[in-house]
Every structure is written in structure tokens, then in C-alpha cells.
Amino acid sequence: MSETVGGVPLCSTASMASSTSNEAAPRAGRPWREADQSDGRRALLVRTEAGRAMTEQVHRFRRSVFAEAMEEWPEADRAEFARLLTRFVDALGSRPPR
């Protein structure tokens, strides 16, 4: 017989723990893993509606911080900053994982 904590069963194997937490995650509003249909070796992280809303809130906040910091910058400087920041992010994204 399996013990539970907060209604979630305690598991004795890594496979059972992974399966149980993945089933409970959406109910708790947390992201969960889903198999990538195009590549069986990969798993996709799926966000809940609350997770998507939080991501959008973070993006809005980040944009407002950038806008406030650059509010007195000439448009040409803003455009140059955007170009360089995009170049930086692209270079960062193309590096192999550590």
C-alpha cells in the first residue's frame, strides 16, 4: 500500500515518481513534460494557462523596464541597442549547451 502526502502517492521508483509528478503537475498549475512527437528522444515542457499568463506578465515588465531606462535615448540609439541585443541573444542561443 502506498502512502500519500497531500493526496499525492509517495513512490518507490524513479519511473513511478516521474509518472506521478507529471500527472499531478497540471492539476497543481505547474508545467509538465510531454513527448516530442517529431523526436522521441526529447520531451517538451508544457505550460499551463497560468504559466503562459505569468510569462506574458514577465515580458511586459521587462519591456517596461527597458522603455523606462531608454526613454530619453534618441531613436537611432534605441534601434542600435535593439540590433546589438538581438545579435547577442542570437549568438548566445547558437552556442552548444554546457
N, C-alpha and C. Protein backbone atom coordinates (compact mmCIF):
# COMPACT_ATOMS: atom_id res chain seq x y z
N MET A 1 0.85 -1.19 0.00
CA MET A 1 0.00 0.00 0.00
C MET A 1 0.88 1.24 0.00
N SER A 2 0.55 2.20 -0.80
CA SER A 2 1.35 3.41 -0.97
C SER A 2 0.87 4.51 -0.03
N GLU A 3 1.82 5.18 0.60
CA GLU A 3 1.48 6.33 1.44
C GLU A 3 1.30 7.55 0.55
N THR A 4 0.58 8.55 1.04
CA THR A 4 0.40 9.77 0.27
C THR A 4 0.78 10.98 1.10
N VAL A 5 1.13 12.05 0.39
CA VAL A 5 1.38 13.35 1.01
C VAL A 5 0.55 14.34 0.21
N GLY A 6 -0.38 14.98 0.87
CA GLY A 6 -1.25 15.91 0.17
C GLY A 6 -2.05 15.25 -0.94
N GLY A 7 -2.36 13.98 -0.78
CA GLY A 7 -3.14 13.27 -1.78
C GLY A 7 -2.32 12.73 -2.93
N VAL A 8 -1.00 13.02 -2.95
CA VAL A 8 -0.13 12.51 -4.00
C VAL A 8 0.62 11.32 -3.44
N PRO A 9 0.55 10.18 -4.11
CA PRO A 9 1.22 8.99 -3.58
C PRO A 9 2.73 9.14 -3.54
N LEU A 10 3.34 8.62 -2.46
CA LEU A 10 4.79 8.53 -2.40
C LEU A 10 5.19 7.37 -3.28
N CYS A 11 6.29 7.50 -3.99
CA CYS A 11 6.67 6.48 -4.95
C CYS A 11 8.00 5.86 -4.57
N SER A 12 8.16 4.61 -4.95
CA SER A 12 9.37 3.90 -4.58
C SER A 12 10.37 3.80 -5.71
N THR A 13 9.98 4.10 -6.95
CA THR A 13 10.92 4.04 -8.07
C THR A 13 10.96 5.38 -8.79
N ALA A 14 12.08 5.63 -9.48
CA ALA A 14 12.22 6.88 -10.23
C ALA A 14 11.16 6.98 -11.31
N SER A 15 10.86 5.88 -11.97
CA SER A 15 9.85 5.87 -13.02
C SER A 15 8.48 6.21 -12.46
N MET A 16 8.13 5.60 -11.32
CA MET A 16 6.84 5.90 -10.68
C MET A 16 6.78 7.35 -10.24
N ALA A 17 7.88 7.86 -9.68
CA ALA A 17 7.91 9.25 -9.21
C ALA A 17 7.72 10.21 -10.36
N SER A 18 8.41 9.96 -11.47
CA SER A 18 8.29 10.81 -12.63
C SER A 18 6.88 10.80 -13.17
N SER A 19 6.31 9.63 -13.29
CA SER A 19 4.95 9.49 -13.81
C SER A 19 3.94 10.17 -12.90
N THR A 20 4.07 9.96 -11.60
CA THR A 20 3.14 10.54 -10.63
C THR A 20 3.22 12.06 -10.63
N SER A 21 4.45 12.60 -10.63
CA SER A 21 4.59 14.06 -10.60
C SER A 21 4.10 14.67 -11.90
N ASN A 22 4.32 13.98 -13.03
CA ASN A 22 3.86 14.50 -14.31
C ASN A 22 2.33 14.52 -14.37
N GLU A 23 1.68 13.55 -13.75
CA GLU A 23 0.22 13.53 -13.72
C GLU A 23 -0.34 14.60 -12.79
N ALA A 24 0.35 14.87 -11.68
CA ALA A 24 -0.13 15.83 -10.70
C ALA A 24 0.16 17.27 -11.09
N ALA A 25 1.19 17.49 -11.91
CA ALA A 25 1.63 18.86 -12.23
C ALA A 25 0.53 19.74 -12.81
N PRO A 26 -0.20 19.31 -13.85
CA PRO A 26 -1.24 20.19 -14.40
C PRO A 26 -2.31 20.55 -13.38
N ARG A 27 -2.67 19.59 -12.54
CA ARG A 27 -3.69 19.86 -11.52
C ARG A 27 -3.20 20.91 -10.53
N ALA A 28 -1.89 20.96 -10.30
CA ALA A 28 -1.31 21.91 -9.35
C ALA A 28 -0.93 23.22 -10.03
N GLY A 29 -1.18 23.34 -11.35
CA GLY A 29 -0.86 24.56 -12.08
C GLY A 29 0.60 24.65 -12.48
N ARG A 30 1.31 23.53 -12.39
CA ARG A 30 2.73 23.52 -12.75
C ARG A 30 2.90 22.96 -14.16
N PRO A 31 4.04 23.29 -14.80
CA PRO A 31 4.29 22.72 -16.14
C PRO A 31 4.50 21.21 -16.05
N TRP A 32 4.34 20.54 -17.18
CA TRP A 32 4.57 19.10 -17.23
C TRP A 32 5.29 18.74 -18.51
N ARG A 33 5.84 17.54 -18.53
CA ARG A 33 6.56 17.06 -19.71
C ARG A 33 5.62 16.30 -20.62
N GLU A 34 5.88 16.46 -21.91
CA GLU A 34 5.10 15.77 -22.93
C GLU A 34 6.09 15.27 -24.00
N ALA A 35 5.89 14.09 -24.52
CA ALA A 35 6.78 13.55 -25.54
C ALA A 35 6.74 14.41 -26.80
N ASP A 36 7.91 14.64 -27.37
CA ASP A 36 8.02 15.37 -28.63
C ASP A 36 7.67 14.39 -29.75
N GLN A 37 6.59 14.64 -30.46
CA GLN A 37 6.13 13.72 -31.50
C GLN A 37 7.08 13.62 -32.67
N SER A 38 7.93 14.65 -32.88
CA SER A 38 8.86 14.62 -34.01
C SER A 38 10.21 14.02 -33.64
N ASP A 39 10.49 13.88 -32.34
CA ASP A 39 11.77 13.31 -31.90
C ASP A 39 11.56 12.63 -30.56
N GLY A 40 11.45 11.31 -30.57
CA GLY A 40 11.14 10.55 -29.37
C GLY A 40 12.17 10.67 -28.27
N ARG A 41 13.35 11.17 -28.58
CA ARG A 41 14.39 11.33 -27.55
C ARG A 41 14.16 12.57 -26.71
N ARG A 42 13.30 13.46 -27.17
CA ARG A 42 13.09 14.73 -26.50
C ARG A 42 11.77 14.77 -25.77
N ALA A 43 11.72 15.63 -24.75
CA ALA A 43 10.47 15.90 -24.04
C ALA A 43 10.24 17.40 -24.09
N LEU A 44 9.02 17.79 -24.28
CA LEU A 44 8.65 19.21 -24.31
C LEU A 44 8.09 19.60 -22.96
N LEU A 45 8.36 20.80 -22.54
CA LEU A 45 7.79 21.32 -21.31
C LEU A 45 6.55 22.11 -21.67
N VAL A 46 5.42 21.72 -21.12
CA VAL A 46 4.12 22.33 -21.45
C VAL A 46 3.69 23.20 -20.28
N ARG A 47 3.40 24.47 -20.59
CA ARG A 47 2.95 25.39 -19.54
C ARG A 47 1.43 25.39 -19.44
N THR A 48 0.97 25.67 -18.25
CA THR A 48 -0.47 25.82 -18.02
C THR A 48 -0.88 27.22 -18.47
N GLU A 49 -2.16 27.48 -18.49
CA GLU A 49 -2.65 28.82 -18.81
C GLU A 49 -2.07 29.83 -17.83
N ALA A 50 -2.00 29.47 -16.55
CA ALA A 50 -1.42 30.36 -15.54
C ALA A 50 0.06 30.61 -15.84
N GLY A 51 0.76 29.59 -16.29
CA GLY A 51 2.16 29.74 -16.65
C GLY A 51 2.34 30.66 -17.85
N ARG A 52 1.48 30.53 -18.84
CA ARG A 52 1.55 31.43 -20.01
C ARG A 52 1.25 32.87 -19.60
N ALA A 53 0.27 33.05 -18.72
CA ALA A 53 -0.06 34.40 -18.24
C ALA A 53 1.11 35.00 -17.47
N MET A 54 1.77 34.18 -16.65
CA MET A 54 2.92 34.68 -15.89
C MET A 54 4.07 35.07 -16.82
N THR A 55 4.29 34.26 -17.85
CA THR A 55 5.33 34.58 -18.83
C THR A 55 5.05 35.92 -19.49
N GLU A 56 3.81 36.14 -19.88
CA GLU A 56 3.44 37.41 -20.51
C GLU A 56 3.63 38.57 -19.54
N GLN A 57 3.29 38.37 -18.28
CA GLN A 57 3.48 39.41 -17.27
C GLN A 57 4.97 39.76 -17.13
N VAL A 58 5.81 38.75 -17.12
CA VAL A 58 7.26 38.99 -17.02
C VAL A 58 7.75 39.74 -18.25
N HIS A 59 7.28 39.36 -19.44
CA HIS A 59 7.69 40.06 -20.66
C HIS A 59 7.24 41.52 -20.65
N ARG A 60 6.01 41.77 -20.21
CA ARG A 60 5.53 43.16 -20.13
C ARG A 60 6.39 43.97 -19.17
N PHE A 61 6.71 43.38 -18.01
CA PHE A 61 7.55 44.08 -17.03
C PHE A 61 8.92 44.38 -17.62
N ARG A 62 9.52 43.39 -18.26
CA ARG A 62 10.85 43.57 -18.86
C ARG A 62 10.83 44.69 -19.91
N ARG A 63 9.80 44.68 -20.77
CA ARG A 63 9.70 45.73 -21.79
C ARG A 63 9.54 47.10 -21.14
N SER A 64 8.80 47.18 -20.04
CA SER A 64 8.60 48.49 -19.39
C SER A 64 9.89 48.98 -18.75
N VAL A 65 10.71 48.07 -18.21
CA VAL A 65 12.00 48.46 -17.63
C VAL A 65 12.91 49.00 -18.72
N PHE A 66 12.98 48.29 -19.86
CA PHE A 66 13.80 48.76 -20.97
C PHE A 66 13.31 50.12 -21.47
N ALA A 67 12.01 50.26 -21.64
CA ALA A 67 11.45 51.52 -22.15
C ALA A 67 11.76 52.68 -21.20
N GLU A 68 11.62 52.44 -19.91
CA GLU A 68 11.90 53.50 -18.93
C GLU A 68 13.38 53.88 -18.93
N ALA A 69 14.24 52.89 -19.00
CA ALA A 69 15.68 53.17 -18.98
C ALA A 69 16.12 53.93 -20.23
N MET A 70 15.42 53.73 -21.34
CA MET A 70 15.84 54.35 -22.61
C MET A 70 14.92 55.48 -23.04
N GLU A 71 14.05 55.95 -22.16
CA GLU A 71 13.04 56.93 -22.58
C GLU A 71 13.64 58.22 -23.13
N GLU A 72 14.85 58.58 -22.73
CA GLU A 72 15.46 59.81 -23.24
C GLU A 72 16.48 59.55 -24.34
N TRP A 73 16.62 58.31 -24.76
CA TRP A 73 17.56 57.97 -25.82
C TRP A 73 16.98 58.39 -27.17
N PRO A 74 17.83 58.85 -28.07
CA PRO A 74 17.36 59.11 -29.44
C PRO A 74 16.94 57.80 -30.11
N GLU A 75 16.04 57.89 -31.05
CA GLU A 75 15.53 56.69 -31.74
C GLU A 75 16.66 55.89 -32.38
N ALA A 76 17.65 56.56 -32.93
CA ALA A 76 18.77 55.85 -33.57
C ALA A 76 19.53 55.00 -32.54
N ASP A 77 19.70 55.51 -31.32
CA ASP A 77 20.38 54.74 -30.28
C ASP A 77 19.54 53.53 -29.85
N ARG A 78 18.23 53.73 -29.77
CA ARG A 78 17.35 52.61 -29.42
C ARG A 78 17.43 51.51 -30.48
N ALA A 79 17.42 51.92 -31.73
CA ALA A 79 17.49 50.95 -32.83
C ALA A 79 18.83 50.21 -32.80
N GLU A 80 19.90 50.91 -32.54
CA GLU A 80 21.23 50.28 -32.47
C GLU A 80 21.31 49.32 -31.29
N PHE A 81 20.75 49.72 -30.16
CA PHE A 81 20.73 48.84 -28.99
C PHE A 81 19.93 47.57 -29.30
N ALA A 82 18.77 47.72 -29.93
CA ALA A 82 17.94 46.56 -30.29
C ALA A 82 18.69 45.64 -31.23
N ARG A 83 19.39 46.21 -32.20
CA ARG A 83 20.16 45.41 -33.15
C ARG A 83 21.26 44.62 -32.43
N LEU A 84 22.01 45.30 -31.56
CA LEU A 84 23.10 44.64 -30.84
C LEU A 84 22.59 43.61 -29.84
N LEU A 85 21.50 43.91 -29.17
CA LEU A 85 20.93 42.96 -28.21
C LEU A 85 20.44 41.70 -28.94
N THR A 86 19.81 41.89 -30.08
CA THR A 86 19.37 40.75 -30.89
C THR A 86 20.55 39.92 -31.34
N ARG A 87 21.60 40.56 -31.77
CA ARG A 87 22.82 39.85 -32.18
C ARG A 87 23.40 39.05 -31.02
N PHE A 88 23.42 39.66 -29.82
CA PHE A 88 23.93 38.99 -28.62
C PHE A 88 23.09 37.75 -28.29
N VAL A 89 21.77 37.91 -28.29
CA VAL A 89 20.88 36.80 -27.95
C VAL A 89 21.00 35.68 -28.99
N ASP A 90 21.10 36.04 -30.27
CA ASP A 90 21.27 35.03 -31.31
C ASP A 90 22.56 34.26 -31.12
N ALA A 91 23.65 34.97 -30.80
CA ALA A 91 24.94 34.30 -30.58
C ALA A 91 24.88 33.40 -29.35
N LEU A 92 24.21 33.87 -28.33
CA LEU A 92 24.07 33.07 -27.10
C LEU A 92 23.27 31.80 -27.38
N GLY A 93 22.23 31.93 -28.15
CA GLY A 93 21.37 30.78 -28.47
C GLY A 93 22.01 29.77 -29.40
N SER A 94 23.03 30.18 -30.14
CA SER A 94 23.67 29.26 -31.08
C SER A 94 24.81 28.46 -30.45
N ARG A 95 25.15 28.80 -29.21
CA ARG A 95 26.23 28.07 -28.52
C ARG A 95 25.72 26.72 -28.05
N PRO A 96 26.61 25.72 -28.08
CA PRO A 96 26.19 24.40 -27.57
C PRO A 96 25.98 24.47 -26.07
N PRO A 97 25.08 23.67 -25.53
CA PRO A 97 24.84 23.68 -24.08
C PRO A 97 26.08 23.23 -23.32
N ARG A 98 26.24 23.74 -22.14
CA ARG A 98 27.39 23.35 -21.30
C ARG A 98 27.06 22.11 -20.52
